[in-house]
C-alpha cells in the first residue's frame, strides 16, 4: 500500500496521517505513532519549508500521525499554548522551532517531565532545559557565505556605504548571520562603511515599509543586505518601483526572492536549507518512536547553500512543489541519515 495523506484543519492545527508499507505503530503498540512539529508562523517561507520537510519524513517512514501547528503570525505566547497542548496529544515526540526560545524554558521542562522527547529545530534550545538534540545550520557560516558573494560584486578598493537590516532584532541566529557577513566585508573590503543593522521587520508589509524608509534614509548606499526571508523580496520591489538599481542580497529561498535573483535584482541568497531540518528532525523522532532507536545528542548541522545566477534555474525547479523538493533532497537526506557522526558536533558549538 502506497503512502497517502489525510488532512484535517481545526483551531490552527494541521493533522497529517501518513500510512504505508513501512509499518505502523510505536514500538510494540500496534498503532500509529503520534508526532508533532510546532513552529513559529505559518505565514512565512522558512517555516513552511520546515513543515514540508517534516511531512515528507512522516510519509517516508509511514505509520505516523503528524500534527503541524503554528500561529498565523509570529506570536510567542500563542506558540507556547500550542506546544503545551501538543505535548499531551503527541506523546511520541515533538519537533520545536521557535523565534522566542526564552519563553520555552518551562514548557520544555514540562515536556521532559512527561517523558515526551523534543528535538529543537532551527533555533538552539534555551539554557536550563533538557533538550539534547538541535537540528540546524551554522548561521555564522551562512552570513559569511552571503558576505563572500557580496565582495565578488565590488572591487577590492571600493568605497561607499553598505546598509544591513535585521528582521528580528535580538534573535540570536539572525545576529550570527549579521556577524558572519560583517566579518567578511570588513576583512575583504575595508574601504566600505557598514551601517546598521536597522530593524527591517519580519512580516511582509512591515518589511517592505521599513526597507523603503531605510533606502530613502541611506539613498547613496551601494548595497542593502538582509538576513531574513522577506528582505530580498522587499529590496527587489523597491528597485522595480523606483527604477533605481543597487546591490541587494539576503537569505532564504522564498519564491519571490528566487525570481528576484533570476531577474537580476538580487545578486545572491544564502539558503539555510530549512526543508532538511524539518525532514531530519521528524525522521529521527519517528525512528525512535517506531523502533526504539535512541536520539543522538548534540548539534546536527544540516548545512546551507548559496543561490546565485549560476544555479538559480536548478533551485527554482527544486522549489516548484513538495514533490520536487523531496526528490531533489533525497540524496542529501540519505547521506546525512546514513552517517550521523559526520554532521554532529557538541551542542555548545552551535553557531
Protein backbone atom coordinates (compact mmCIF):
# COMPACT_ATOMS: atom_id res chain seq x y z
CA UNK A 1 0.00 0.00 0.00
CA UNK A 2 1.45 3.36 -1.03
CA UNK A 3 1.55 6.27 1.47
CA UNK A 4 -1.35 8.67 1.37
CA UNK A 5 -2.21 11.94 3.09
CA UNK A 6 -5.30 12.52 5.23
CA UNK A 7 -5.61 16.15 6.23
CA UNK A 8 -7.86 17.87 8.76
CA UNK A 9 -7.62 21.51 9.84
CA UNK A 10 -9.00 22.77 13.13
CA UNK A 11 -8.04 25.55 15.53
CA UNK A 12 -4.75 26.24 13.77
CA UNK A 13 -3.58 22.62 13.87
CA UNK A 14 -2.98 20.52 10.77
CA UNK A 15 -3.17 16.78 11.34
CA UNK A 16 -1.42 14.70 8.70
CA UNK A 17 -1.65 10.90 8.60
CA UNK A 18 0.97 9.05 6.61
CA UNK A 19 0.25 5.35 6.40
CA UNK A 20 2.28 2.93 4.33
CA UNK A 21 4.13 -0.29 3.94
CA UNK A 22 6.85 0.83 6.32
CA UNK A 23 4.65 -0.39 9.17
CA UNK A 24 2.63 1.37 11.81
CA UNK A 25 2.69 1.97 15.49
CA UNK A 26 5.19 2.83 18.18
CA UNK A 27 7.48 0.02 19.26
CA UNK A 28 5.18 -2.74 20.44
CA UNK A 29 1.98 -0.65 20.37
CA UNK A 30 0.44 -1.70 17.05
CA UNK A 31 -0.89 1.78 16.29
CA UNK A 32 0.40 4.87 14.50
CA UNK A 33 2.97 6.95 16.32
CA UNK A 34 1.86 10.44 17.26
CA UNK A 35 4.38 13.14 16.43
CA UNK A 36 4.16 16.89 16.05
CA UNK A 37 6.01 19.83 14.61
CA UNK A 38 5.35 23.16 16.31
CA UNK A 39 6.78 26.19 14.54
CA UNK A 40 6.83 29.98 14.74
CA UNK A 41 4.43 31.02 11.99
CA UNK A 42 2.59 29.52 9.05
CA UNK A 43 2.81 32.76 7.05
CA UNK A 44 6.49 32.82 6.01
CA UNK A 45 8.64 30.72 3.71
CA UNK A 46 11.33 29.45 6.15
CA UNK A 47 8.79 27.82 8.42
CA UNK A 48 6.69 26.48 5.56
CA UNK A 49 9.84 24.82 4.21
CA UNK A 50 10.47 23.07 7.54
CA UNK A 51 6.87 21.87 7.65
CA UNK A 52 7.19 20.47 4.10
CA UNK A 53 10.28 18.56 5.22
CA UNK A 54 8.53 17.20 8.30
CA UNK A 55 5.57 16.00 6.20
CA UNK A 56 7.91 14.29 3.74
CA UNK A 57 9.68 12.43 6.56
CA UNK A 58 6.38 11.27 8.02
CA UNK A 59 5.30 9.97 4.62
CA UNK A 60 8.60 8.19 4.01
CA UNK A 61 8.64 6.26 7.26
CA UNK A 62 4.88 5.56 7.34
CA UNK A 63 2.59 4.83 10.27
CA UNK A 64 2.81 8.39 11.60
CA UNK A 65 0.10 10.78 12.72
CA UNK A 66 1.81 14.16 12.35
CA UNK A 67 0.25 17.28 13.85
CA UNK A 68 1.54 20.58 12.45
CA UNK A 69 0.76 23.72 14.45
CA UNK A 70 1.85 27.35 14.24
CA UNK A 71 0.41 30.82 14.79
CA UNK A 72 -0.58 32.69 11.62
CA UNK A 73 1.97 35.39 12.54
CA UNK A 74 4.92 35.39 14.93
CA UNK A 75 3.30 35.14 18.36
CA UNK A 76 5.45 33.55 21.06
CA UNK A 77 2.77 33.20 23.78
CA UNK A 78 0.35 31.61 21.31
CA UNK A 79 3.03 29.18 20.18
CA UNK A 80 3.69 28.23 23.81
CA UNK A 81 -0.01 27.42 24.21
CA UNK A 82 0.06 25.27 21.09
CA UNK A 83 3.19 23.48 22.29
CA UNK A 84 1.67 22.70 25.69
CA UNK A 85 -1.38 21.22 24.01
CA UNK A 86 0.82 19.23 21.64
CA UNK A 87 2.89 17.51 24.32
CA UNK A 88 -0.31 15.99 25.70
CA UNK A 89 -1.59 14.86 22.31
CA UNK A 90 1.63 13.84 20.52
CA UNK A 91 3.44 11.93 23.20
CA UNK A 92 5.77 10.04 20.88
CA UNK A 93 7.76 13.17 20.08
CA UNK A 94 7.70 16.85 19.17
CA UNK A 95 9.97 18.93 16.96
CA UNK A 96 10.01 22.58 18.03
CA UNK A 97 11.03 25.62 16.01
CA UNK A 98 10.59 28.97 17.72
CA UNK A 99 11.73 32.55 17.39
CA UNK A 100 11.05 33.17 21.08
CA UNK A 101 13.17 30.47 22.79
CA UNK A 102 13.27 32.23 26.16
CA UNK A 103 9.53 31.63 26.53
CA UNK A 104 10.02 27.88 26.25
CA UNK A 105 12.19 27.05 29.25
CA UNK A 106 9.28 25.97 31.46
CA UNK A 107 7.25 24.34 28.64
CA UNK A 108 10.26 22.29 27.53
CA UNK A 109 10.85 21.14 31.09
CA UNK A 110 7.18 20.17 31.31
CA UNK A 111 7.66 18.03 28.20
CA UNK A 112 10.66 16.37 29.84
CA UNK A 113 8.62 15.66 32.98
CA UNK A 114 6.02 13.94 30.77
CA UNK A 115 8.77 11.91 29.03
CA UNK A 116 7.91 13.48 25.67
CA UNK A 117 11.08 13.63 23.53
CA UNK A 118 11.67 17.04 21.98
CA UNK A 119 14.08 17.99 19.20
CA UNK A 120 14.96 21.67 18.73
CA UNK A 121 14.86 22.80 15.10
CA UNK A 122 16.43 25.94 13.57
CA UNK A 123 16.83 27.70 16.95
CA UNK A 124 19.06 26.18 19.61
CA UNK A 125 17.28 25.12 22.81
CA UNK A 126 17.41 27.70 25.61
CA UNK A 127 19.65 27.17 28.62
CA UNK A 128 18.01 25.44 31.55
CA UNK A 129 16.25 22.75 29.52
CA UNK A 130 16.94 19.06 28.92
CA UNK A 131 16.69 19.12 25.13
CA UNK A 132 19.72 17.19 23.91
CA UNK A 133 19.41 17.44 20.13
CA UNK A 134 19.40 20.55 17.94
CA UNK A 135 18.91 20.33 14.16
CA UNK A 136 20.10 23.50 12.44
CA UNK A 137 22.58 25.09 10.07
CA UNK A 138 25.50 27.29 11.08
CA UNK A 139 24.18 30.84 10.83
CA UNK A 140 27.66 32.30 11.25
CA UNK A 141 28.79 30.40 8.16
CA UNK A 142 25.59 31.36 6.35
CA UNK A 143 26.34 35.04 6.93
CA UNK A 144 29.93 34.56 5.80
CA UNK A 145 28.73 32.87 2.62
CA UNK A 146 26.50 35.84 1.79
CA UNK A 147 29.38 38.19 2.58
CA UNK A 148 31.64 36.27 0.19
CA UNK A 149 29.03 36.60 -2.56
CA UNK A 150 28.79 40.33 -1.89
CA UNK A 151 32.52 41.04 -2.09
CA UNK A 152 32.57 39.42 -5.53
CA UNK A 153 30.29 42.24 -6.70
CA UNK A 154 32.61 45.15 -5.81
CA UNK A 155 36.32 45.85 -6.45
CA UNK A 156 38.89 45.45 -3.69
CA UNK A 157 39.36 49.24 -3.37
CA UNK A 158 35.64 50.02 -3.31
CA UNK A 159 34.32 52.81 -1.10
CA UNK A 160 30.79 53.69 -0.09
CA UNK A 161 28.10 52.63 2.34
CA UNK A 162 26.69 49.16 2.88
CA UNK A 163 23.43 49.01 4.86
CA UNK A 164 22.45 45.97 6.92
CA UNK A 165 18.93 45.03 8.00
CA UNK A 166 17.76 42.69 10.75
CA UNK A 167 14.25 41.25 10.56
CA UNK A 168 14.05 40.39 14.27
CA UNK A 169 16.49 42.40 16.43
CA UNK A 170 17.57 40.39 19.45
CA UNK A 171 17.14 36.97 17.82
CA UNK A 172 20.48 35.22 18.21
CA UNK A 173 20.51 33.27 14.96
CA UNK A 174 19.97 36.40 12.85
CA UNK A 175 22.70 38.22 14.77
CA UNK A 176 25.04 35.32 14.00
CA UNK A 177 24.31 35.79 10.28
CA UNK A 178 25.00 39.50 10.55
CA UNK A 179 28.24 38.94 12.46
CA UNK A 180 29.42 36.45 9.85
CA UNK A 181 28.61 38.76 6.96
CA UNK A 182 30.14 41.81 8.62
CA UNK A 183 33.39 39.93 9.36
CA UNK A 184 33.89 39.10 5.68
CA UNK A 185 33.10 42.60 4.42
CA UNK A 186 35.41 44.26 6.95
CA UNK A 187 38.27 41.90 6.16
CA UNK A 188 37.98 41.91 2.37
CA UNK A 189 36.55 45.35 1.55
CA UNK A 190 37.94 47.62 4.28
CA UNK A 191 37.13 50.79 2.35
CA UNK A 192 33.39 50.24 2.74
CA UNK A 193 31.40 51.79 5.58
CA UNK A 194 28.88 49.43 7.20
CA UNK A 195 25.71 50.97 8.65
CA UNK A 196 23.17 49.22 10.83
CA UNK A 197 21.76 46.72 11.29
CA UNK A 198 18.43 48.52 11.18
CA UNK A 199 15.12 46.89 12.08
CA UNK A 200 13.70 45.68 8.77
CA UNK A 201 10.64 43.90 10.21
CA UNK A 202 9.72 40.26 9.68
CA UNK A 203 6.19 40.33 8.27
CA UNK A 204 5.86 41.20 4.56
CA UNK A 205 4.14 44.58 4.93
CA UNK A 206 6.33 45.87 7.74
CA UNK A 207 9.44 44.58 6.00
CA UNK A 208 8.67 46.47 2.79
CA UNK A 209 7.76 49.67 4.64
CA UNK A 210 10.86 49.51 6.84
CA UNK A 211 13.20 48.85 3.93
CA UNK A 212 11.57 51.63 1.94
CA UNK A 213 12.34 54.04 4.78
CA UNK A 214 15.88 52.67 5.19
CA UNK A 215 16.68 53.03 1.49
CA UNK A 216 15.36 56.61 1.47
CA UNK A 217 17.41 57.48 4.56
CA UNK A 218 20.58 55.96 3.02
CA UNK A 219 19.94 56.88 -0.59
CA UNK A 220 23.59 56.85 -1.63
CA UNK A 221 24.42 53.38 -0.30
CA UNK A 222 25.84 50.93 -2.81
CA UNK A 223 24.26 47.87 -1.22
CA UNK A 224 21.48 46.77 1.12
CA UNK A 225 21.88 43.37 2.76
CA UNK A 226 19.36 41.50 4.88
CA UNK A 227 19.37 38.21 6.76
CA UNK A 228 15.71 37.19 6.63
CA UNK A 229 13.21 35.75 4.18
CA UNK A 230 11.39 38.96 3.24
CA UNK A 231 14.38 41.25 2.71
CA UNK A 232 15.20 40.19 -0.84
CA UNK A 233 11.53 40.38 -1.81
CA UNK A 234 11.19 43.94 -0.50
CA UNK A 235 14.51 45.16 -1.90
CA UNK A 236 13.64 43.83 -5.35
CA UNK A 237 10.24 45.52 -5.25
CA UNK A 238 11.81 48.84 -4.22
CA UNK A 239 14.11 48.65 -7.24
CA UNK A 240 11.17 47.92 -9.53
CA UNK A 241 9.11 50.76 -8.07
CA UNK A 242 11.86 53.38 -8.15
CA UNK A 243 13.82 52.35 -11.22
CA UNK A 244 16.99 52.55 -9.14
CA UNK A 245 19.48 49.67 -9.31
CA UNK A 246 21.56 48.69 -6.31
CA UNK A 247 23.19 45.56 -4.87
CA UNK A 248 20.82 43.50 -2.75
CA UNK A 249 21.28 40.17 -1.01
CA UNK A 250 19.57 38.19 1.71
CA UNK A 251 18.65 34.70 2.94
CA UNK A 252 16.01 32.02 2.30
CA UNK A 253 14.55 30.63 -0.95
CA UNK A 254 11.19 32.43 -0.91
CA UNK A 255 9.54 32.06 -4.33
CA UNK A 256 9.57 35.82 -4.96
CA UNK A 257 13.16 36.09 -3.77
CA UNK A 258 14.23 33.38 -6.20
CA UNK A 259 12.54 35.26 -9.02
CA UNK A 260 14.40 38.40 -7.94
CA UNK A 261 17.70 36.52 -8.37
CA UNK A 262 16.53 35.29 -11.76
CA UNK A 263 15.59 38.83 -12.80
CA UNK A 264 18.88 40.33 -11.60
CA UNK A 265 17.54 42.42 -8.71
CA UNK A 266 19.28 40.25 -6.08
CA UNK A 267 22.85 39.02 -6.52
CA UNK A 268 22.51 36.05 -4.15
CA UNK A 269 20.52 34.33 -1.45
CA UNK A 270 22.09 32.29 1.34
CA UNK A 271 19.68 29.43 1.97
CA UNK A 272 19.65 27.75 5.41
CA UNK A 273 18.05 24.75 3.68
CA UNK A 274 15.14 24.67 6.10
CA UNK A 275 13.48 21.67 4.41
CA UNK A 276 16.36 19.46 5.52
CA UNK A 277 15.91 20.49 9.16
CA UNK A 278 12.25 19.54 9.23
CA UNK A 279 12.93 16.25 7.47
CA UNK A 280 15.84 15.12 9.65
CA UNK A 281 14.13 16.10 12.91
CA UNK A 282 10.90 14.22 12.14
CA UNK A 283 12.70 11.24 10.67
CA UNK A 284 14.78 10.81 13.84
CA UNK A 285 11.73 11.19 16.09
CA UNK A 286 9.77 8.68 14.03
CA UNK A 287 12.56 6.12 14.06
CA UNK A 288 12.86 6.47 17.82
CA UNK A 289 9.12 6.00 18.32
CA UNK A 290 8.79 3.06 15.94
CA UNK A 291 11.94 1.09 16.70
CA UNK A 292 13.24 2.42 20.00
CA UNK A 293 16.35 3.83 18.30
CA UNK A 294 17.83 6.45 20.63
CA UNK A 295 18.00 10.06 19.53
CA UNK A 296 21.53 11.32 19.02
CA UNK A 297 22.72 14.22 21.12
CA UNK A 298 24.42 17.45 20.11
CA UNK A 299 24.14 19.88 17.20
CA UNK A 300 23.29 18.28 13.86
CA UNK A 301 24.46 20.78 11.24
CA UNK A 302 22.31 20.16 8.15
CA UNK A 303 24.27 22.69 6.08
CA UNK A 304 23.41 25.61 3.78
CA UNK A 305 23.55 26.69 0.15
CA UNK A 306 24.33 29.83 -1.87
CA UNK A 307 21.76 30.59 -4.58
CA UNK A 308 23.01 32.85 -7.38
CA UNK A 309 22.82 33.22 -11.14
CA UNK A 310 24.80 30.02 -11.64
CA UNK A 311 22.25 27.70 -10.02
CA UNK A 312 19.03 29.75 -9.91
CA UNK A 313 17.21 27.69 -12.56
CA UNK A 314 18.04 24.47 -10.72
CA UNK A 315 16.79 25.85 -7.39
CA UNK A 316 13.60 27.29 -8.88
CA UNK A 317 12.88 23.83 -10.29
CA UNK A 318 13.65 22.24 -6.92
CA UNK A 319 11.26 24.58 -5.13
CA UNK A 320 8.38 24.03 -7.59
CA UNK A 321 6.31 21.86 -5.25
CA UNK A 322 6.59 19.41 -2.36
CA UNK A 323 7.37 16.51 -4.68
CA UNK A 324 10.22 18.33 -6.41
CA UNK A 325 11.72 19.29 -3.06
CA UNK A 326 11.59 15.73 -1.81
CA UNK A 327 13.18 14.35 -4.97
CA UNK A 328 15.94 16.97 -5.02
CA UNK A 329 16.85 16.48 -1.35
CA UNK A 330 16.73 12.66 -1.32
CA UNK A 331 20.43 12.09 -1.92
CA UNK A 332 21.36 14.55 0.84
CA UNK A 333 18.91 13.16 3.39
CA UNK A 334 20.11 9.63 2.67
CA UNK A 335 23.73 10.76 3.08
CA UNK A 336 23.13 12.52 6.39
CA UNK A 337 20.98 9.81 7.94
CA UNK A 338 23.50 7.13 6.96
CA UNK A 339 26.34 8.91 8.77
CA UNK A 340 25.05 10.97 11.72
CA UNK A 341 28.50 11.32 13.27
CA UNK A 342 29.63 13.27 10.22
CA UNK A 343 27.12 16.02 10.98
CA UNK A 344 27.04 16.05 14.79
CA UNK A 345 29.03 18.40 16.98
CA UNK A 346 28.68 19.34 20.66
CA UNK A 347 25.57 21.39 21.34
CA UNK A 348 27.69 24.17 22.85
CA UNK A 349 29.37 24.71 19.48
CA UNK A 350 26.15 25.62 17.67
CA UNK A 351 26.62 28.93 15.90
